[in-house]
Amino acid sequence: MANIKSIHSVCNSIMQFLHNAYEATPVPFGAPGSTLQDEYPCSFRVLASGELKASTDFGTTLSLYLYRVMVNEHVRSQPASSGTGSAVPLAVDLHFLITVWSESAAIEQTLCAWAMSQLHQHPIMDVSSLTEEGGWRNDDVVQIIPAELSNEDLMRIWDALAPDYRLSLSYIARVIRIDSADVPMGLPVVATRYQYEERGDHAD
């Protein structure tokens, strides 16, 4: 299980993985020692909704945009660990788009194929590939799978955003289990002051 920064950690980790892999991928039929980053310089970014409304001048970029967070129906009732009495963690799935920003058809299509290939070959992220800010434990695993998103649903997402449609890939990251914050059990104790005095015998 992880902390409340785990959602952002997953998004950052995916982009960090793709960025590192891109710089190490050789160019097919290219010069010896050349990489895709040498032939098609590209930046990797996690985008917020506000950035999409403010500007679309990203140059050549591969971006991740988180558009939906859903409670996972299958593991939401599983306890944190047996016999500990811990609260049930929040289990969520992250729905996101990987989008290619480029004015070149060759770059756009090459980046698309490359990103799909990388996520197909490396669909599992564990504590060694997740950024530390998420507070991950050694047994935490996040699975990256293609999302079944219809053309109509995809167009609706882009219609709600400011920029025109760009070539995008839809994926789901599952399952992120977020630990419940420690909260005190029961009502707070209210201190009350009592005054005691000895009771003596009274003469008639």
Protein backbone atom coordinates (compact mmCIF):
# COMPACT_ATOMS: atom_id res chain seq x y z
CA MET A 1 0.00 0.00 0.00
CA ALA A 2 1.03 3.59 -0.55
CA ASN A 3 0.21 7.13 0.53
CA ILE A 4 -1.89 9.90 -1.00
CA LYS A 5 0.95 10.90 -3.34
CA SER A 6 0.85 7.48 -5.01
CA ILE A 7 -1.40 8.56 -7.91
CA HIS A 8 1.04 11.27 -8.94
CA SER A 9 3.90 8.87 -8.31
CA VAL A 10 2.49 6.35 -10.80
CA CYS A 11 2.08 9.00 -13.50
CA ASN A 12 5.60 10.34 -12.92
CA SER A 13 7.03 6.81 -12.89
CA ILE A 14 5.50 5.93 -16.25
CA MET A 15 6.90 9.06 -17.87
CA GLN A 16 10.27 8.57 -16.22
CA PHE A 17 10.45 4.99 -17.47
CA LEU A 18 9.53 6.01 -21.03
CA HIS A 19 12.01 8.88 -21.00
CA ASN A 20 14.88 6.65 -19.88
CA ALA A 21 13.96 3.93 -22.37
CA TYR A 22 13.70 6.44 -25.22
CA GLU A 23 17.22 7.73 -24.63
CA ALA A 24 18.53 4.15 -24.72
CA THR A 25 16.61 2.91 -27.79
CA PRO A 26 18.81 2.66 -30.90
CA VAL A 27 17.53 4.03 -34.21
CA PRO A 28 16.48 1.23 -36.58
CA PHE A 29 18.84 1.31 -39.58
CA GLY A 30 20.44 4.44 -38.12
CA ALA A 31 24.04 5.39 -37.52
CA PRO A 32 25.89 3.15 -35.08
CA GLY A 33 25.35 4.33 -31.51
CA SER A 34 22.54 6.75 -32.38
CA THR A 35 19.32 6.68 -30.35
CA LEU A 36 15.76 7.79 -30.99
CA GLN A 37 16.44 10.85 -28.85
CA ASP A 38 19.25 11.79 -31.26
CA GLU A 39 17.05 11.44 -34.34
CA TYR A 40 13.75 12.70 -32.88
CA PRO A 41 14.43 14.90 -29.82
CA CYS A 42 11.41 14.55 -27.56
CA SER A 43 10.35 15.66 -24.09
CA PHE A 44 8.18 13.65 -21.70
CA ARG A 45 5.58 15.36 -19.53
CA VAL A 46 2.71 14.66 -17.14
CA LEU A 47 0.05 17.22 -18.05
CA ALA A 48 -2.67 18.75 -15.91
CA SER A 49 -6.03 19.80 -17.34
CA GLY A 50 -5.13 23.46 -16.90
CA GLU A 51 -2.03 23.08 -19.07
CA LEU A 52 -4.11 21.74 -21.93
CA LYS A 53 -6.37 24.78 -21.73
CA ALA A 54 -3.56 27.30 -21.38
CA SER A 55 -1.32 26.19 -24.24
CA THR A 56 -0.69 23.43 -26.74
CA ASP A 57 2.74 24.60 -27.87
CA PHE A 58 4.57 21.57 -26.50
CA GLY A 59 6.91 20.97 -29.42
CA THR A 60 7.71 17.28 -29.87
CA THR A 61 6.39 15.75 -26.68
CA LEU A 62 5.02 12.49 -25.37
CA SER A 63 2.55 13.35 -22.62
CA LEU A 64 0.50 11.55 -20.00
CA TYR A 65 -2.89 13.00 -19.08
CA LEU A 66 -4.87 11.42 -16.23
CA TYR A 67 -8.54 11.88 -17.06
CA ARG A 68 -10.28 9.50 -14.65
CA VAL A 69 -9.69 7.81 -11.29
CA MET A 70 -12.03 4.93 -10.46
CA VAL A 71 -12.46 2.78 -7.36
CA ASN A 72 -11.51 -0.80 -8.22
CA GLU A 73 -14.58 -2.98 -7.68
CA HIS A 74 -12.70 -6.24 -7.15
CA VAL A 75 -10.26 -5.42 -4.36
CA ARG A 76 -11.93 -2.53 -2.56
CA SER A 77 -13.04 -4.76 0.35
CA GLN A 78 -9.74 -6.54 0.88
CA PRO A 79 -8.10 -5.69 4.22
CA ALA A 80 -4.66 -4.12 4.43
CA SER A 81 -3.20 -7.22 6.06
CA SER A 82 -4.69 -10.14 7.94
CA GLY A 83 -5.01 -9.89 11.67
CA THR A 84 -3.75 -6.33 12.00
CA GLY A 85 -7.07 -4.59 12.43
CA SER A 86 -5.99 -1.93 9.91
CA ALA A 87 -8.59 -0.02 7.95
CA VAL A 88 -9.40 -1.24 4.44
CA PRO A 89 -7.18 0.64 1.94
CA LEU A 90 -8.66 2.62 -0.93
CA ALA A 91 -8.08 0.67 -4.17
CA VAL A 92 -8.17 2.74 -7.36
CA ASP A 93 -7.49 2.39 -11.08
CA LEU A 94 -5.99 5.25 -13.10
CA HIS A 95 -7.30 5.91 -16.62
CA PHE A 96 -4.92 7.98 -18.69
CA LEU A 97 -4.00 8.99 -22.23
CA ILE A 98 -0.53 8.85 -23.74
CA THR A 99 -0.52 11.56 -26.41
CA VAL A 100 2.01 12.37 -29.13
CA TRP A 101 2.53 16.07 -29.89
CA SER A 102 4.35 16.66 -33.16
CA GLU A 103 3.86 18.36 -36.52
CA SER A 104 5.67 15.52 -38.30
CA ALA A 105 3.80 12.38 -39.37
CA ALA A 106 7.01 10.33 -39.18
CA ILE A 107 7.74 11.42 -35.62
CA GLU A 108 4.12 11.07 -34.49
CA GLN A 109 3.74 7.55 -35.83
CA THR A 110 7.18 6.37 -34.74
CA LEU A 111 6.66 7.62 -31.20
CA CYS A 112 3.23 6.00 -31.10
CA ALA A 113 4.57 2.59 -32.15
CA TRP A 114 7.54 2.88 -29.81
CA ALA A 115 5.45 3.81 -26.75
CA MET A 116 2.98 0.98 -27.39
CA SER A 117 5.86 -1.46 -27.72
CA GLN A 118 7.48 -0.33 -24.48
CA LEU A 119 4.28 -0.61 -22.43
CA HIS A 120 3.54 -3.98 -24.04
CA GLN A 121 6.97 -5.34 -23.09
CA HIS A 122 7.02 -3.78 -19.61
CA PRO A 123 3.45 -3.90 -18.23
CA ILE A 124 4.45 -4.27 -14.57
CA MET A 125 5.89 -1.60 -12.28
CA ASP A 126 7.19 -2.55 -8.83
CA VAL A 127 8.84 -0.66 -6.01
CA SER A 128 12.12 -0.52 -7.96
CA SER A 129 10.50 1.45 -10.80
CA LEU A 130 8.04 3.60 -8.81
CA THR A 131 9.16 6.97 -7.45
CA GLU A 132 9.72 7.18 -3.70
CA GLU A 133 7.16 9.92 -3.10
CA GLY A 134 4.37 7.33 -3.22
CA GLY A 135 5.58 5.60 -0.07
CA TRP A 136 5.48 2.19 -1.75
CA ARG A 137 6.06 -1.09 0.06
CA ASN A 138 8.18 -3.94 -1.24
CA ASP A 139 5.18 -5.99 -2.35
CA ASP A 140 3.40 -3.17 -4.21
CA VAL A 141 2.85 -3.82 -7.92
CA VAL A 142 1.10 -1.66 -10.52
CA GLN A 143 -0.07 -3.18 -13.80
CA ILE A 144 -0.32 -1.12 -17.00
CA ILE A 145 -2.90 -2.44 -19.47
CA PRO A 146 -4.50 -1.07 -22.66
CA ALA A 147 -7.93 0.45 -22.03
CA GLU A 148 -10.99 -0.50 -24.03
CA LEU A 149 -11.99 3.03 -24.97
CA SER A 150 -14.37 3.50 -27.89
CA ASN A 151 -13.81 6.18 -30.52
CA GLU A 152 -16.90 7.96 -29.22
CA ASP A 153 -15.60 8.03 -25.64
CA LEU A 154 -12.18 9.17 -26.84
CA MET A 155 -13.72 12.01 -28.83
CA ARG A 156 -15.80 13.07 -25.84
CA ILE A 157 -12.66 13.43 -23.75
CA TRP A 158 -11.03 15.60 -26.39
CA ASP A 159 -14.18 17.63 -26.90
CA ALA A 160 -14.01 18.58 -23.22
CA LEU A 161 -10.42 19.78 -23.65
CA ALA A 162 -9.24 22.94 -25.39
CA PRO A 163 -6.81 21.55 -28.01
CA ASP A 164 -7.76 19.72 -31.17
CA TYR A 165 -7.42 15.95 -31.20
CA ARG A 166 -3.94 14.47 -31.19
CA LEU A 167 -2.96 10.85 -31.69
CA SER A 168 -3.55 9.21 -28.30
CA LEU A 169 -3.27 5.82 -26.64
CA SER A 170 -5.55 4.87 -23.75
CA TYR A 171 -4.29 2.83 -20.78
CA ILE A 172 -5.23 1.84 -17.24
CA ALA A 173 -2.85 1.58 -14.28
CA ARG A 174 -4.17 -0.85 -11.66
CA VAL A 175 -4.41 -1.44 -8.72
CA ILE A 176 -3.16 1.43 -6.55
CA ARG A 177 -3.97 0.71 -2.91
CA ILE A 178 -3.84 3.82 -0.77
CA ASP A 179 -3.45 3.39 2.98
CA SER A 180 -5.99 5.06 5.20
CA ALA A 181 -4.61 7.84 7.34
CA ASP A 182 -4.24 6.96 11.00
CA VAL A 183 -7.15 8.43 12.91
CA PRO A 184 -7.92 8.18 16.62
CA MET A 185 -10.50 5.56 17.53
CA GLY A 186 -13.58 6.78 19.40
CA LEU A 187 -14.42 10.21 20.69
CA PRO A 188 -11.73 12.40 22.26
CA VAL A 189 -11.46 12.28 26.03
CA VAL A 190 -12.85 15.33 27.77
CA ALA A 191 -11.11 16.18 31.02
CA THR A 192 -13.44 16.91 33.88
CA ARG A 193 -12.37 18.39 37.20
CA TYR A 194 -13.89 16.88 40.30
CA GLN A 195 -13.61 18.32 43.78
CA TYR A 196 -13.57 16.00 46.78
CA GLU A 197 -14.00 16.98 50.41
CA GLU A 198 -14.20 14.94 53.55
CA ARG A 199 -17.58 14.54 55.08
CA GLY A 200 -17.47 15.07 58.86
CA ASP A 201 -20.00 14.28 61.62
CA HIS A 202 -22.45 17.10 62.37
CA ALA A 203 -23.77 17.67 65.90
CA ASP A 204 -27.49 18.08 66.40
